[in-house]
C-alpha atoms as a PDB file:
ATOM      1  CA  MET A   1     101.723-260.441  -8.196  1.00  0.00           C
ATOM      2  CA  LYS A   2     104.489-260.728 -10.785  1.00  0.00           C
ATOM      3  CA  ILE A   3     107.228-258.196 -10.033  1.00  0.00           C
ATOM      4  CA  VAL A   4     110.372-256.980 -11.796  1.00  0.00           C
ATOM      5  CA  LEU A   5     113.202-255.386  -9.806  1.00  0.00           C
ATOM      6  CA  VAL A   6     115.251-252.594 -11.361  1.00  0.00           C
ATOM      7  CA  GLU A   7     117.984-251.829  -8.829  1.00  0.00           C
ATOM      8  CA  ASP A   8     121.739-251.610  -9.354  1.00  0.00           C
ATOM      9  CA  HIS A   9     122.769-253.150  -6.016  1.00  0.00           C
ATOM     10  CA  ALA A  10     122.637-256.946  -6.137  1.00  0.00           C
ATOM     11  CA  LEU A  11     122.443-257.241  -2.353  1.00  0.00           C
ATOM     12  CA  ILE A  12     119.354-255.021  -2.221  1.00  0.00           C
ATOM     13  CA  ARG A  13     117.742-256.987  -5.047  1.00  0.00           C
ATOM     14  CA  THR A  14     118.299-260.218  -3.142  1.00  0.00           C
ATOM     15  CA  GLY A  15     116.710-258.799  -0.008  1.00  0.00           C
ATOM     16  CA  LEU A  16     113.727-257.485  -1.932  1.00  0.00           C
ATOM     17  CA  ARG A  17     113.214-260.793  -3.725  1.00  0.00           C
ATOM     18  CA  LEU A  18     113.348-262.824  -0.524  1.00  0.00           C
ATOM     19  CA  LEU A  19     110.881-260.483   1.206  1.00  0.00           C
ATOM     20  CA  LEU A  20     108.418-260.395  -1.676  1.00  0.00           C
ATOM     21  CA  GLU A  21     108.516-264.119  -2.317  1.00  0.00           C
ATOM     22  CA  SER A  22     107.964-264.810   1.393  1.00  0.00           C
ATOM     23  CA  VAL A  23     104.408-263.506   0.922  1.00  0.00           C
ATOM     24  CA  GLU A  24     103.777-265.282  -2.396  1.00  0.00           C
ATOM     25  CA  HIS A  25     104.668-262.522  -4.834  1.00  0.00           C
ATOM     26  CA  THR A  26     106.847-263.691  -7.730  1.00  0.00           C
ATOM     27  CA  VAL A  27     109.953-261.846  -8.872  1.00  0.00           C
ATOM     28  CA  VAL A  28     110.037-262.766 -12.555  1.00  0.00           C
ATOM     29  CA  ALA A  29     113.160-260.773 -13.444  1.00  0.00           C
ATOM     30  CA  GLU A  30     115.710-258.405 -11.939  1.00  0.00           C
ATOM     31  CA  PHE A  31     118.052-255.928 -13.569  1.00  0.00           C
ATOM     32  CA  GLY A  32     120.796-253.535 -12.594  1.00  0.00           C
ATOM     33  CA  ARG A  33     120.125-251.075 -15.426  1.00  0.00           C
ATOM     34  CA  ALA A  34     116.957-249.582 -16.879  1.00  0.00           C
ATOM     35  CA  GLU A  35     118.063-250.378 -20.437  1.00  0.00           C
ATOM     36  CA  GLU A  36     118.152-254.082 -19.566  1.00  0.00           C
ATOM     37  CA  ALA A  37     114.644-253.944 -18.115  1.00  0.00           C
ATOM     38  CA  LEU A  38     113.283-252.146 -21.180  1.00  0.00           C
ATOM     39  CA  ALA A  39     114.909-254.641 -23.542  1.00  0.00           C
ATOM     40  CA  TRP A  40     113.369-257.486 -21.531  1.00  0.00           C
ATOM     41  CA  CYS A  41     109.921-255.867 -21.729  1.00  0.00           C
ATOM     42  CA  LYS A  42     110.146-255.510 -25.509  1.00  0.00           C
ATOM     43  CA  SER A  43     111.093-259.163 -25.927  1.00  0.00           C
ATOM     44  CA  THR A  44     108.525-260.538 -23.470  1.00  0.00           C
ATOM     45  CA  ALA A  45     105.011-261.629 -24.424  1.00  0.00           C
ATOM     46  CA  LEU A  46     102.112-259.513 -23.161  1.00  0.00           C
ATOM     47  CA  GLN A  47     100.790-262.249 -20.873  1.00  0.00           C
ATOM     48  CA  ASP A  48     104.168-262.422 -19.143  1.00  0.00           C
ATOM     49  CA  TRP A  49     104.471-258.704 -18.371  1.00  0.00           C
ATOM     50  CA  PRO A  50     104.679-257.973 -14.638  1.00  0.00           C
ATOM     51  CA  GLY A  51     102.023-256.301 -12.537  1.00  0.00           C
ATOM     52  CA  LEU A  52     104.665-254.105 -10.937  1.00  0.00           C
ATOM     53  CA  PHE A  53     108.170-252.741 -11.396  1.00  0.00           C
ATOM     54  CA  ILE A  54     110.129-251.724  -8.310  1.00  0.00           C
ATOM     55  CA  LEU A  55     112.436-249.029  -9.619  1.00  0.00           C
ATOM     56  CA  ASP A  56     115.466-247.270  -8.161  1.00  0.00           C
ATOM     57  CA  LEU A  57     116.105-243.756  -9.476  1.00  0.00           C
ATOM     58  CA  ASN A  58     119.910-243.848  -9.205  1.00  0.00           C
ATOM     59  CA  LEU A  59     120.952-246.238 -11.961  1.00  0.00           C
ATOM     60  CA  GLY A  60     123.972-246.417 -14.195  1.00  0.00           C
ATOM     61  CA  GLY A  61     123.127-245.407 -17.746  1.00  0.00           C
ATOM     62  CA  MET A  62     119.515-244.323 -18.206  1.00  0.00           C
ATOM     63  CA  PRO A  63     118.220-242.618 -15.021  1.00  0.00           C
ATOM     64  CA  GLY A  64     115.202-244.128 -13.321  1.00  0.00           C
ATOM     65  CA  LEU A  65     113.070-241.028 -13.882  1.00  0.00           C
ATOM     66  CA  GLU A  66     113.730-241.256 -17.620  1.00  0.00           C
ATOM     67  CA  ALA A  67     112.848-244.934 -17.748  1.00  0.00           C
ATOM     68  CA  LEU A  68     109.738-244.590 -15.566  1.00  0.00           C
ATOM     69  CA  PRO A  69     107.218-243.355 -18.179  1.00  0.00           C
ATOM     70  CA  ILE A  70     108.294-246.136 -20.543  1.00  0.00           C
ATOM     71  CA  LEU A  71     108.141-248.869 -17.904  1.00  0.00           C
ATOM     72  CA  LYS A  72     104.664-247.815 -16.841  1.00  0.00           C
ATOM     73  CA  THR A  73     103.354-248.806 -20.268  1.00  0.00           C
ATOM     74  CA  TYR A  74     104.228-252.395 -19.312  1.00  0.00           C
ATOM     75  CA  GLY A  75     103.131-252.373 -15.657  1.00  0.00           C
ATOM     76  CA  LYS A  76     102.710-250.206 -12.599  1.00  0.00           C
ATOM     77  CA  VAL A  77     105.821-248.669 -11.046  1.00  0.00           C
ATOM     78  CA  LEU A  78     106.798-248.342  -7.392  1.00  0.00           C
ATOM     79  CA  VAL A  79     109.790-246.074  -6.896  1.00  0.00           C
ATOM     80  CA  LEU A  80     112.171-247.173  -4.138  1.00  0.00           C
ATOM     81  CA  SER A  81     114.750-244.449  -3.682  1.00  0.00           C
ATOM     82  CA  MET A  82     117.189-242.813  -1.295  1.00  0.00           C
ATOM     83  CA  HIS A  83     115.915-239.440  -2.556  1.00  0.00           C
ATOM     84  CA  GLU A  84     113.293-237.952  -0.242  1.00  0.00           C
ATOM     85  CA  GLU A  85     113.276-234.436  -1.673  1.00  0.00           C
ATOM     86  CA  PRO A  86     109.763-233.348  -2.749  1.00  0.00           C
ATOM     87  CA  GLU A  87     111.026-232.467  -6.222  1.00  0.00           C
ATOM     88  CA  TYR A  88     111.892-236.116  -6.893  1.00  0.00           C
ATOM     89  CA  ILE A  89     108.597-237.364  -5.437  1.00  0.00           C
ATOM     90  CA  ALA A  90     106.457-234.933  -7.429  1.00  0.00           C
ATOM     91  CA  GLU A  91     108.349-235.667 -10.643  1.00  0.00           C
ATOM     92  CA  ALA A  92     108.017-239.428 -10.156  1.00  0.00           C
ATOM     93  CA  PHE A  93     104.246-239.181  -9.774  1.00  0.00           C
ATOM     94  CA  ALA A  94     104.037-236.766 -12.696  1.00  0.00           C
ATOM     95  CA  ARG A  95     105.812-239.360 -14.850  1.00  0.00           C
ATOM     96  CA  GLY A  96     103.368-242.091 -13.894  1.00  0.00           C
ATOM     97  CA  ALA A  97     104.609-243.745 -10.691  1.00  0.00           C
ATOM     98  CA  SER A  98     101.973-245.570  -8.650  1.00  0.00           C
ATOM     99  CA  GLY A  99     103.956-245.288  -5.432  1.00  0.00           C
ATOM    100  CA  TYR A 100     107.052-243.819  -3.809  1.00  0.00           C
ATOM    101  CA  LEU A 101     108.952-245.410  -0.945  1.00  0.00           C
ATOM    102  CA  PRO A 102     112.168-244.226   0.749  1.00  0.00           C
ATOM    103  CA  LYS A 103     114.948-246.786   1.110  1.00  0.00           C
ATOM    104  CA  ARG A 104     114.935-246.272   4.870  1.00  0.00           C
ATOM    105  CA  ALA A 105     111.435-247.774   4.977  1.00  0.00           C
ATOM    106  CA  VAL A 106     110.926-251.075   6.800  1.00  0.00           C
ATOM    107  CA  ASP A 107     109.822-254.414   5.335  1.00  0.00           C
ATOM    108  CA  ARG A 108     106.173-253.862   6.257  1.00  0.00           C
ATOM    109  CA  ASP A 109     106.125-250.557   4.379  1.00  0.00           C
ATOM    110  CA  LEU A 110     107.196-252.248   1.157  1.00  0.00           C
ATOM    111  CA  LEU A 111     104.553-254.946   1.472  1.00  0.00           C
ATOM    112  CA  ASP A 112     101.892-252.327   2.271  1.00  0.00           C
ATOM    113  CA  ALA A 113     102.915-250.347  -0.810  1.00  0.00           C
ATOM    114  CA  VAL A 114     102.700-253.399  -3.074  1.00  0.00           C
ATOM    115  CA  THR A 115      99.288-254.327  -1.631  1.00  0.00           C
ATOM    116  CA  ALA A 116      97.930-250.800  -2.094  1.00  0.00           C
ATOM    117  CA  ILE A 117      99.139-250.593  -5.690  1.00  0.00           C
ATOM    118  CA  ALA A 118      97.664-254.031  -6.440  1.00  0.00           C
ATOM    119  CA  ARG A 119      94.299-252.628  -5.279  1.00  0.00           C
ATOM    120  CA  GLY A 120      94.613-249.799  -7.767  1.00  0.00           C
ATOM    121  CA  GLU A 121      95.618-247.164  -5.218  1.00  0.00           C
ATOM    122  CA  ARG A 122      98.583-244.828  -5.203  1.00  0.00           C
ATOM    123  CA  PHE A 123     101.020-245.121  -2.316  1.00  0.00           C
ATOM    124  CA  LEU A 124     103.152-242.476  -0.662  1.00  0.00           C
ATOM    125  CA  HIS A 125     105.046-243.310   2.500  1.00  0.00           C
ATOM    126  CA  PRO A 126     103.629-241.279   5.437  1.00  0.00           C
ATOM    127  CA  LEU A 127     107.060-239.834   6.210  1.00  0.00           C
ATOM    128  CA  LEU A 128     107.148-238.209   2.775  1.00  0.00           C
ATOM    129  CA  ALA A 129     103.629-236.777   2.608  1.00  0.00           C
ATOM    130  CA  PRO A 130     104.331-233.592   4.641  1.00  0.00           C
ATOM    131  CA  ARG A 131     107.324-232.760   2.445  1.00  0.00           C
ATOM    132  CA  LEU A 132     105.294-233.163  -0.703  1.00  0.00           C
ATOM    133  CA  ALA A 133     102.419-231.114   0.696  1.00  0.00           C
ATOM    134  CA  GLU A 134     104.807-228.237   1.365  1.00  0.00           C
ATOM    135  CA  HIS A 135     106.174-228.443  -2.168  1.00  0.00           C
ATOM    136  CA  ILE A 136     102.959-228.393  -4.152  1.00  0.00           C
ATOM    137  CA  SER A 137      99.690-226.561  -3.775  1.00  0.00           C
ATOM    138  CA  LEU A 138      97.203-229.172  -2.634  1.00  0.00           C
ATOM    139  CA  PRO A 139      93.444-228.640  -3.088  1.00  0.00           C
ATOM    140  CA  SER A 140      91.740-227.343   0.059  1.00  0.00           C
ATOM    141  CA  LEU A 141      88.237-227.796   1.428  1.00  0.00           C
ATOM    142  CA  GLU A 142      87.242-224.597  -0.326  1.00  0.00           C
ATOM    143  CA  ALA A 143      87.562-226.442  -3.635  1.00  0.00           C
ATOM    144  CA  LEU A 144      84.430-228.436  -2.786  1.00  0.00           C
ATOM    145  CA  SER A 145      80.832-227.287  -2.540  1.00  0.00           C
ATOM    146  CA  GLU A 146      78.920-227.833   0.694  1.00  0.00           C
ATOM    147  CA  ARG A 147      77.121-230.865  -0.735  1.00  0.00           C
ATOM    148  CA  GLU A 148      80.348-232.331  -2.118  1.00  0.00           C
ATOM    149  CA  ARG A 149      81.969-231.989   1.313  1.00  0.00           C
ATOM    150  CA  ALA A 150      78.979-233.701   2.912  1.00  0.00           C
ATOM    151  CA  VAL A 151      79.170-236.634   0.501  1.00  0.00           C
ATOM    152  CA  VAL A 152      82.922-237.008   0.899  1.00  0.00           C
ATOM    153  CA  GLY A 153      82.579-236.875   4.686  1.00  0.00           C
ATOM    154  CA  LEU A 154      79.962-239.635   4.735  1.00  0.00           C
ATOM    155  CA  LEU A 155      81.979-241.856   2.402  1.00  0.00           C
ATOM    156  CA  ALA A 156      85.011-241.361   4.630  1.00  0.00           C
ATOM    157  CA  GLN A 157      82.924-242.495   7.608  1.00  0.00           C
ATOM    158  CA  GLY A 158      82.181-245.763   5.850  1.00  0.00           C
ATOM    159  CA  TYR A 159      78.788-245.032   4.319  1.00  0.00           C
ATOM    160  CA  ASN A 160      78.170-246.543   0.898  1.00  0.00           C
ATOM    161  CA  LEU A 161      76.466-244.547  -1.873  1.00  0.00           C
ATOM    162  CA  SER A 162      72.970-245.776  -0.965  1.00  0.00           C
ATOM    163  CA  GLN A 163      73.419-245.013   2.729  1.00  0.00           C
ATOM    164  CA  ALA A 164      74.845-241.574   1.965  1.00  0.00           C
ATOM    165  CA  ALA A 165      71.906-240.861  -0.332  1.00  0.00           C
ATOM    166  CA  GLU A 166      69.424-241.838   2.371  1.00  0.00           C
ATOM    167  CA  LYS A 167      71.257-239.746   4.967  1.00  0.00           C
ATOM    168  CA  LEU A 168      71.209-236.648   2.738  1.00  0.00           C
ATOM    169  CA  GLY A 169      67.755-237.216   1.295  1.00  0.00           C
ATOM    170  CA  ILE A 170      68.946-237.313  -2.302  1.00  0.00           C
ATOM    171  CA  SER A 171      69.220-239.988  -4.988  1.00  0.00           C
ATOM    172  CA  VAL A 172      72.072-242.449  -5.296  1.00  0.00           C
ATOM    173  CA  LYS A 173      72.777-241.031  -8.757  1.00  0.00           C
ATOM    174  CA  THR A 174      73.157-237.548  -7.293  1.00  0.00           C
ATOM    175  CA  VAL A 175      75.533-238.822  -4.604  1.00  0.00           C
ATOM    176  CA  ALA A 176      77.613-240.533  -7.299  1.00  0.00           C
ATOM    177  CA  THR A 177      77.727-237.254  -9.236  1.00  0.00           C
ATOM    178  CA  TYR A 178      78.942-235.311  -6.183  1.00  0.00           C
ATOM    179  CA  LYS A 179      81.565-237.988  -5.554  1.00  0.00           C
ATOM    180  CA  ALA A 180      82.765-237.820  -9.182  1.00  0.00           C
ATOM    181  CA  ARG A 181      82.956-234.023  -9.036  1.00  0.00           C
ATOM    182  CA  ALA A 182      84.974-234.171  -5.820  1.00  0.00           C
ATOM    183  CA  LEU A 183      87.426-236.662  -7.309  1.00  0.00           C
ATOM    184  CA  ASP A 184      87.839-234.463 -10.373  1.00  0.00           C
ATOM    185  CA  LYS A 185      88.331-231.235  -8.395  1.00  0.00           C
ATOM    186  CA  LEU A 186      90.868-232.829  -6.073  1.00  0.00           C
ATOM    187  CA  GLY A 187      92.757-234.654  -8.806  1.00  0.00           C
ATOM    188  CA  LEU A 188      92.183-238.037  -7.159  1.00  0.00           C
ATOM    189  CA  ALA A 189      91.675-241.373  -8.880  1.00  0.00           C
ATOM    190  CA  SER A 190      89.712-243.564  -6.470  1.00  0.00           C
ATOM    191  CA  GLN A 191      87.434-243.617  -3.430  1.00  0.00           C
ATOM    192  CA  PRO A 192      90.227-244.857  -1.105  1.00  0.00           C
ATOM    193  CA  GLU A 193      92.277-241.793  -2.068  1.00  0.00           C
ATOM    194  CA  LEU A 194      89.208-239.615  -1.446  1.00  0.00           C
ATOM    195  CA  VAL A 195      88.771-241.164   2.004  1.00  0.00           C
ATOM    196  CA  GLN A 196      92.427-240.565   2.845  1.00  0.00           C
ATOM    197  CA  TRP A 197      92.130-236.937   1.685  1.00  0.00           C
ATOM    198  CA  ALA A 198      89.008-236.456   3.830  1.00  0.00           C
ATOM    199  CA  ARG A 199      90.809-237.750   6.906  1.00  0.00           C
ATOM    200  CA  GLU A 200      93.799-235.501   6.279  1.00  0.00           C
ATOM    201  CA  HIS A 201      91.479-232.482   5.956  1.00  0.00           C
ATOM    202  CA  GLY A 202      89.337-233.109   9.031  1.00  0.00           C
ATOM    203  CA  LEU A 203      86.133-234.311   7.379  1.00  0.00           C
ATOM    204  CA  VAL A 204      86.029-237.407   9.606  1.00  0.00           C
END
């Protein structure tokens, strides 16, 4: 994956670049200020835009949170920040972040986050999830109908749509409808997120 680093500490940028390039990602550019990254994006051809920006929130000049919704029009954004307060996390996701990682995370966490985002998933470090859950009202099991819960539970156990349909004695199309309704009610974007939600809520 092509990656751009937006971080005002050169030493941290160097460490990130070495780690990412050790597993065949390519750091195509790095900047200490958001304004520099945005100027680069505007002057760079579409085919050369990165798949991911790794963005610090504490930057000189334009704050990371202000730059985030603009950067996400050029590529996905993983926030890497010292801020672990739920207000920052919620605001980052509201502005379009695909992931949020605390700076105290280890190397493996960063690589896991990049891999998850490359698959089209959102990533939140496990240490931060409880704080965010306390800050916002998350959908509960009661949001789903009995059939929707059954479908979500089977998908979380590894059943595919056809297998779930056979298990429940309904059509594949109906299973897909229940799955789509569950995603919509829970505000989730993909089946992996649905599976994670099911595990967190005891459906597996």
